[in-house]
Amino acid sequence: MSRVIPPDQTTGPGAVRARSPLASRGWFSRFFNLRPRTRPRQRLVRFPCGEGLSLGCSPTLADIEDLARKDGLRSLVNLNTEGEPGEAMSPNVEASWAHAFGLRHERAPFAADLPRVGDVDRFLQALASVPRPVFVHSQHGRRAAAMILVHLGLELRISGTAAVQAAKGLGTTCTLDSLRRFAESEVDRRIAVPSDDCRT
């Protein structure tokens, strides 16, 4: 016959306590040296695309620390806009952490669905102003790939189509067709413009 324990007998001398089925789990885990399984953190993948230049997806806080302390980077260029859905952290917060780890941080934001000529100008200025090695990133890396494509085309003085091939040779591909076409047209447009020395 089971004994019913009144509430006032659950404490004090002679109290009868109900044993939880989980009560021995701590002892069992310690005895058999069991620990919760944790997935090891995957490091940020950086794609080299020139001397002291790499690109990729947006870093987490742990990635920023690794970029500064393990990879020896000196700068970050962030192409994200403020408040993007799914962002690892806001550009302002990223800038604060980058400065905390001794990295130079520049922003050149633009929306992937509406790239503008001024966005390219802002990126090129930001890239030219920071010390290398520098990591250029956007949320999924596609805007970063497009802007690096423009940079390569202008640096090598080649057409947009040739810049796409040059980027592929470095392992970099802009997978968003609209961005790739925009980058190609920007390279072609800027290469065709004569320099100040050539103008009459």
C-alpha atoms as a PDB file:
ATOM      1  CA  MET A   1       0.000   0.000   0.000  1.00  0.00           C
ATOM      2  CA  SER A   2       1.536   3.252  -1.050  1.00  0.00           C
ATOM      3  CA  ARG A   3       2.151   5.939   1.518  1.00  0.00           C
ATOM      4  CA  VAL A   4       0.769   9.419   0.896  1.00  0.00           C
ATOM      5  CA  ILE A   5       3.146  12.132   2.089  1.00  0.00           C
ATOM      6  CA  PRO A   6       1.384  15.202   3.461  1.00  0.00           C
ATOM      7  CA  PRO A   7       2.952  18.532   2.472  1.00  0.00           C
ATOM      8  CA  ASP A   8       4.169  19.184   6.023  1.00  0.00           C
ATOM      9  CA  GLN A   9       6.202  15.936   6.047  1.00  0.00           C
ATOM     10  CA  THR A  10       8.365  16.726   3.005  1.00  0.00           C
ATOM     11  CA  THR A  11      10.826  18.690   5.136  1.00  0.00           C
ATOM     12  CA  GLY A  12      12.409  18.344   8.520  1.00  0.00           C
ATOM     13  CA  PRO A  13      13.541  15.260  10.497  1.00  0.00           C
ATOM     14  CA  GLY A  14      12.128  12.009   9.308  1.00  0.00           C
ATOM     15  CA  ALA A  15      10.810  13.531   6.087  1.00  0.00           C
ATOM     16  CA  VAL A  16      10.270  11.222   3.177  1.00  0.00           C
ATOM     17  CA  ARG A  17      11.420  12.673  -0.108  1.00  0.00           C
ATOM     18  CA  ALA A  18      10.325  11.502  -3.530  1.00  0.00           C
ATOM     19  CA  ARG A  19      13.355  10.453  -5.571  1.00  0.00           C
ATOM     20  CA  SER A  20      13.569  12.069  -8.970  1.00  0.00           C
ATOM     21  CA  PRO A  21      14.445   9.754 -11.853  1.00  0.00           C
ATOM     22  CA  LEU A  22      17.033  12.392 -12.835  1.00  0.00           C
ATOM     23  CA  ALA A  23      18.643  12.513  -9.394  1.00  0.00           C
ATOM     24  CA  SER A  24      21.472  10.139 -10.299  1.00  0.00           C
ATOM     25  CA  ARG A  25      22.176  11.583 -13.722  1.00  0.00           C
ATOM     26  CA  GLY A  26      24.910  13.916 -12.428  1.00  0.00           C
ATOM     27  CA  TRP A  27      26.730  11.061 -10.688  1.00  0.00           C
ATOM     28  CA  PHE A  28      26.319   8.816 -13.731  1.00  0.00           C
ATOM     29  CA  SER A  29      27.703  11.471 -16.070  1.00  0.00           C
ATOM     30  CA  ARG A  30      30.694  12.154 -13.808  1.00  0.00           C
ATOM     31  CA  PHE A  31      31.426   8.446 -13.366  1.00  0.00           C
ATOM     32  CA  PHE A  32      31.388   7.715 -17.087  1.00  0.00           C
ATOM     33  CA  ASN A  33      32.921  11.083 -17.997  1.00  0.00           C
ATOM     34  CA  LEU A  34      30.000  12.058 -20.195  1.00  0.00           C
ATOM     35  CA  ARG A  35      29.800  15.611 -21.461  1.00  0.00           C
ATOM     36  CA  PRO A  36      27.209  17.362 -23.624  1.00  0.00           C
ATOM     37  CA  ARG A  37      28.114  17.161 -27.288  1.00  0.00           C
ATOM     38  CA  THR A  38      28.979  20.502 -28.789  1.00  0.00           C
ATOM     39  CA  ARG A  39      29.601  21.138 -32.456  1.00  0.00           C
ATOM     40  CA  PRO A  40      33.028  22.691 -33.068  1.00  0.00           C
ATOM     41  CA  ARG A  41      32.834  26.232 -34.422  1.00  0.00           C
ATOM     42  CA  GLN A  42      33.580  26.482 -38.116  1.00  0.00           C
ATOM     43  CA  ARG A  43      36.031  29.217 -38.939  1.00  0.00           C
ATOM     44  CA  LEU A  44      35.148  31.901 -41.413  1.00  0.00           C
ATOM     45  CA  VAL A  45      36.118  31.040 -44.987  1.00  0.00           C
ATOM     46  CA  ARG A  46      38.111  33.797 -46.709  1.00  0.00           C
ATOM     47  CA  PHE A  47      38.699  33.814 -50.444  1.00  0.00           C
ATOM     48  CA  PRO A  48      41.969  35.485 -51.446  1.00  0.00           C
ATOM     49  CA  CYS A  49      41.541  37.821 -54.395  1.00  0.00           C
ATOM     50  CA  GLY A  50      44.761  39.785 -54.672  1.00  0.00           C
ATOM     51  CA  GLU A  51      47.701  40.985 -52.653  1.00  0.00           C
ATOM     52  CA  GLY A  52      46.522  41.483 -49.090  1.00  0.00           C
ATOM     53  CA  LEU A  53      42.886  41.283 -50.179  1.00  0.00           C
ATOM     54  CA  SER A  54      40.228  38.688 -49.364  1.00  0.00           C
ATOM     55  CA  LEU A  55      36.452  38.450 -49.321  1.00  0.00           C
ATOM     56  CA  GLY A  56      33.697  36.382 -47.793  1.00  0.00           C
ATOM     57  CA  CYS A  57      30.523  36.325 -45.748  1.00  0.00           C
ATOM     58  CA  SER A  58      30.000  38.590 -42.772  1.00  0.00           C
ATOM     59  CA  PRO A  59      32.003  37.565 -39.693  1.00  0.00           C
ATOM     60  CA  THR A  60      30.734  36.819 -36.209  1.00  0.00           C
ATOM     61  CA  LEU A  61      32.350  38.290 -33.110  1.00  0.00           C
ATOM     62  CA  ALA A  62      34.574  35.208 -32.762  1.00  0.00           C
ATOM     63  CA  ASP A  63      35.558  35.539 -36.432  1.00  0.00           C
ATOM     64  CA  ILE A  64      36.568  39.178 -35.955  1.00  0.00           C
ATOM     65  CA  GLU A  65      38.826  38.180 -33.085  1.00  0.00           C
ATOM     66  CA  ASP A  66      40.384  35.433 -35.218  1.00  0.00           C
ATOM     67  CA  LEU A  67      40.884  37.793 -38.152  1.00  0.00           C
ATOM     68  CA  ALA A  68      42.790  40.192 -35.927  1.00  0.00           C
ATOM     69  CA  ARG A  69      44.750  37.812 -33.699  1.00  0.00           C
ATOM     70  CA  LYS A  70      45.269  34.687 -35.793  1.00  0.00           C
ATOM     71  CA  ASP A  71      45.087  35.838 -39.401  1.00  0.00           C
ATOM     72  CA  GLY A  72      46.872  39.146 -38.909  1.00  0.00           C
ATOM     73  CA  LEU A  73      44.349  41.256 -40.803  1.00  0.00           C
ATOM     74  CA  ARG A  74      44.424  45.004 -40.358  1.00  0.00           C
ATOM     75  CA  SER A  75      41.120  46.140 -41.854  1.00  0.00           C
ATOM     76  CA  LEU A  76      37.496  45.257 -42.549  1.00  0.00           C
ATOM     77  CA  VAL A  77      35.291  46.758 -45.259  1.00  0.00           C
ATOM     78  CA  ASN A  78      31.601  46.100 -44.618  1.00  0.00           C
ATOM     79  CA  LEU A  79      29.125  46.312 -47.515  1.00  0.00           C
ATOM     80  CA  ASN A  80      25.991  45.549 -45.486  1.00  0.00           C
ATOM     81  CA  THR A  81      23.222  48.034 -44.886  1.00  0.00           C
ATOM     82  CA  GLU A  82      21.944  48.741 -41.385  1.00  0.00           C
ATOM     83  CA  GLY A  83      19.166  46.433 -40.215  1.00  0.00           C
ATOM     84  CA  GLU A  84      19.461  43.670 -42.813  1.00  0.00           C
ATOM     85  CA  PRO A  85      17.409  40.568 -41.927  1.00  0.00           C
ATOM     86  CA  GLY A  86      19.613  37.721 -40.723  1.00  0.00           C
ATOM     87  CA  GLU A  87      22.757  39.816 -40.208  1.00  0.00           C
ATOM     88  CA  ALA A  88      25.385  38.433 -37.838  1.00  0.00           C
ATOM     89  CA  MET A  89      25.628  41.847 -36.185  1.00  0.00           C
ATOM     90  CA  SER A  90      24.821  45.399 -37.183  1.00  0.00           C
ATOM     91  CA  PRO A  91      27.559  47.355 -38.994  1.00  0.00           C
ATOM     92  CA  ASN A  92      27.808  49.784 -36.066  1.00  0.00           C
ATOM     93  CA  VAL A  93      28.325  46.976 -33.561  1.00  0.00           C
ATOM     94  CA  GLU A  94      30.836  45.334 -35.900  1.00  0.00           C
ATOM     95  CA  ALA A  95      32.770  48.591 -36.133  1.00  0.00           C
ATOM     96  CA  SER A  96      32.969  48.805 -32.340  1.00  0.00           C
ATOM     97  CA  TRP A  97      34.327  45.277 -32.014  1.00  0.00           C
ATOM     98  CA  ALA A  98      36.731  45.739 -34.927  1.00  0.00           C
ATOM     99  CA  HIS A  99      38.203  48.810 -33.217  1.00  0.00           C
ATOM    100  CA  ALA A 100      38.386  46.889 -29.926  1.00  0.00           C
ATOM    101  CA  PHE A 101      40.613  44.312 -31.639  1.00  0.00           C
ATOM    102  CA  GLY A 102      42.746  46.970 -33.331  1.00  0.00           C
ATOM    103  CA  LEU A 103      41.246  46.672 -36.803  1.00  0.00           C
ATOM    104  CA  ARG A 104      40.455  49.552 -39.119  1.00  0.00           C
ATOM    105  CA  HIS A 105      36.785  49.448 -40.124  1.00  0.00           C
ATOM    106  CA  GLU A 106      35.128  51.118 -43.098  1.00  0.00           C
ATOM    107  CA  ARG A 107      31.578  50.915 -44.371  1.00  0.00           C
ATOM    108  CA  ALA A 108      30.460  51.041 -47.994  1.00  0.00           C
ATOM    109  CA  PRO A 109      26.831  49.893 -47.764  1.00  0.00           C
ATOM    110  CA  PHE A 110      24.598  49.152 -50.697  1.00  0.00           C
ATOM    111  CA  ALA A 111      21.516  47.022 -51.327  1.00  0.00           C
ATOM    112  CA  ALA A 112      21.986  43.987 -53.560  1.00  0.00           C
ATOM    113  CA  ASP A 113      18.669  44.557 -55.309  1.00  0.00           C
ATOM    114  CA  LEU A 114      19.418  48.200 -56.120  1.00  0.00           C
ATOM    115  CA  PRO A 115      23.142  48.815 -56.697  1.00  0.00           C
ATOM    116  CA  ARG A 116      24.097  52.353 -57.630  1.00  0.00           C
ATOM    117  CA  VAL A 117      27.110  53.979 -59.228  1.00  0.00           C
ATOM    118  CA  GLY A 118      27.702  55.940 -56.029  1.00  0.00           C
ATOM    119  CA  ASP A 119      27.957  52.658 -54.107  1.00  0.00           C
ATOM    120  CA  VAL A 120      30.904  51.625 -56.269  1.00  0.00           C
ATOM    121  CA  ASP A 121      32.601  54.988 -55.718  1.00  0.00           C
ATOM    122  CA  ARG A 122      32.133  54.641 -51.956  1.00  0.00           C
ATOM    123  CA  PHE A 123      33.574  51.120 -51.983  1.00  0.00           C
ATOM    124  CA  LEU A 124      36.619  52.035 -54.050  1.00  0.00           C
ATOM    125  CA  GLN A 125      37.349  54.979 -51.739  1.00  0.00           C
ATOM    126  CA  ALA A 126      36.959  52.798 -48.649  1.00  0.00           C
ATOM    127  CA  LEU A 127      39.210  50.089 -50.069  1.00  0.00           C
ATOM    128  CA  ALA A 128      41.894  52.612 -50.996  1.00  0.00           C
ATOM    129  CA  SER A 129      41.826  54.213 -47.542  1.00  0.00           C
ATOM    130  CA  VAL A 130      42.441  51.142 -45.355  1.00  0.00           C
ATOM    131  CA  PRO A 131      45.707  49.322 -44.640  1.00  0.00           C
ATOM    132  CA  ARG A 132      46.121  45.777 -45.887  1.00  0.00           C
ATOM    133  CA  PRO A 133      45.580  42.886 -45.368  1.00  0.00           C
ATOM    134  CA  VAL A 134      41.896  43.738 -45.645  1.00  0.00           C
ATOM    135  CA  PHE A 135      38.783  41.565 -45.563  1.00  0.00           C
ATOM    136  CA  VAL A 136      35.838  42.727 -47.688  1.00  0.00           C
ATOM    137  CA  HIS A 137      32.524  41.200 -46.731  1.00  0.00           C
ATOM    138  CA  SER A 138      28.778  41.244 -47.185  1.00  0.00           C
ATOM    139  CA  GLN A 139      26.118  39.075 -45.605  1.00  0.00           C
ATOM    140  CA  HIS A 140      26.393  36.215 -48.112  1.00  0.00           C
ATOM    141  CA  GLY A 141      29.564  37.367 -49.868  1.00  0.00           C
ATOM    142  CA  ARG A 142      27.864  38.157 -53.188  1.00  0.00           C
ATOM    143  CA  ARG A 143      28.096  41.939 -52.982  1.00  0.00           C
ATOM    144  CA  ALA A 144      31.701  41.557 -51.866  1.00  0.00           C
ATOM    145  CA  ALA A 145      32.443  39.386 -54.917  1.00  0.00           C
ATOM    146  CA  ALA A 146      30.823  41.950 -57.232  1.00  0.00           C
ATOM    147  CA  MET A 147      32.825  44.860 -55.811  1.00  0.00           C
ATOM    148  CA  ILE A 148      36.074  42.912 -55.906  1.00  0.00           C
ATOM    149  CA  LEU A 149      35.287  42.164 -59.555  1.00  0.00           C
ATOM    150  CA  VAL A 150      35.081  45.910 -60.206  1.00  0.00           C
ATOM    151  CA  HIS A 151      38.319  46.483 -58.302  1.00  0.00           C
ATOM    152  CA  LEU A 152      40.156  43.810 -60.314  1.00  0.00           C
ATOM    153  CA  GLY A 153      38.895  45.170 -63.615  1.00  0.00           C
ATOM    154  CA  LEU A 154      40.038  48.692 -62.823  1.00  0.00           C
ATOM    155  CA  GLU A 155      43.344  47.586 -61.330  1.00  0.00           C
ATOM    156  CA  LEU A 156      44.207  45.388 -64.327  1.00  0.00           C
ATOM    157  CA  ARG A 157      42.622  47.775 -66.858  1.00  0.00           C
ATOM    158  CA  ILE A 158      40.606  44.986 -68.470  1.00  0.00           C
ATOM    159  CA  SER A 159      37.002  44.661 -69.623  1.00  0.00           C
ATOM    160  CA  GLY A 160      34.170  43.539 -67.382  1.00  0.00           C
ATOM    161  CA  THR A 161      34.055  40.121 -69.041  1.00  0.00           C
ATOM    162  CA  ALA A 162      37.805  39.692 -68.583  1.00  0.00           C
ATOM    163  CA  ALA A 163      37.461  40.801 -64.959  1.00  0.00           C
ATOM    164  CA  VAL A 164      34.931  38.018 -64.374  1.00  0.00           C
ATOM    165  CA  GLN A 165      37.429  35.490 -65.729  1.00  0.00           C
ATOM    166  CA  ALA A 166      40.252  36.988 -63.686  1.00  0.00           C
ATOM    167  CA  ALA A 167      38.131  36.711 -60.546  1.00  0.00           C
ATOM    168  CA  LYS A 168      37.309  33.081 -61.371  1.00  0.00           C
ATOM    169  CA  GLY A 169      41.018  32.410 -61.734  1.00  0.00           C
ATOM    170  CA  LEU A 170      41.404  33.565 -58.133  1.00  0.00           C
ATOM    171  CA  GLY A 171      38.548  31.352 -56.992  1.00  0.00           C
ATOM    172  CA  THR A 172      35.987  34.162 -56.736  1.00  0.00           C
ATOM    173  CA  THR A 173      32.623  34.083 -58.482  1.00  0.00           C
ATOM    174  CA  CYS A 174      29.693  36.457 -58.139  1.00  0.00           C
ATOM    175  CA  THR A 175      26.749  34.059 -58.071  1.00  0.00           C
ATOM    176  CA  LEU A 176      24.034  36.725 -58.336  1.00  0.00           C
ATOM    177  CA  ASP A 177      23.559  37.448 -62.049  1.00  0.00           C
ATOM    178  CA  SER A 178      22.142  40.953 -61.588  1.00  0.00           C
ATOM    179  CA  LEU A 179      25.111  41.989 -59.445  1.00  0.00           C
ATOM    180  CA  ARG A 180      27.611  40.431 -61.829  1.00  0.00           C
ATOM    181  CA  ARG A 181      26.111  42.261 -64.799  1.00  0.00           C
ATOM    182  CA  PHE A 182      26.149  45.523 -62.830  1.00  0.00           C
ATOM    183  CA  ALA A 183      29.809  44.997 -61.918  1.00  0.00           C
ATOM    184  CA  GLU A 184      30.749  44.185 -65.517  1.00  0.00           C
ATOM    185  CA  SER A 185      29.011  47.303 -66.807  1.00  0.00           C
ATOM    186  CA  GLU A 186      30.721  49.449 -64.177  1.00  0.00           C
ATOM    187  CA  VAL A 187      34.145  48.131 -65.201  1.00  0.00           C
ATOM    188  CA  ASP A 188      33.432  48.753 -68.889  1.00  0.00           C
ATOM    189  CA  ARG A 189      32.064  52.222 -68.214  1.00  0.00           C
ATOM    190  CA  ARG A 190      34.984  53.282 -66.034  1.00  0.00           C
ATOM    191  CA  ILE A 191      37.678  51.825 -68.270  1.00  0.00           C
ATOM    192  CA  ALA A 192      36.203  53.653 -71.279  1.00  0.00           C
ATOM    193  CA  VAL A 193      36.333  57.049 -69.523  1.00  0.00           C
ATOM    194  CA  PRO A 194      39.599  58.809 -70.457  1.00  0.00           C
ATOM    195  CA  SER A 195      41.853  59.973 -67.669  1.00  0.00           C
ATOM    196  CA  ASP A 196      42.319  63.654 -66.882  1.00  0.00           C
ATOM    197  CA  ASP A 197      45.697  63.677 -68.640  1.00  0.00           C
ATOM    198  CA  CYS A 198      44.095  62.587 -71.889  1.00  0.00           C
ATOM    199  CA  ARG A 199      41.298  65.146 -71.924  1.00  0.00           C
ATOM    200  CA  THR A 200      41.628  68.233 -74.129  1.00  0.00           C
END
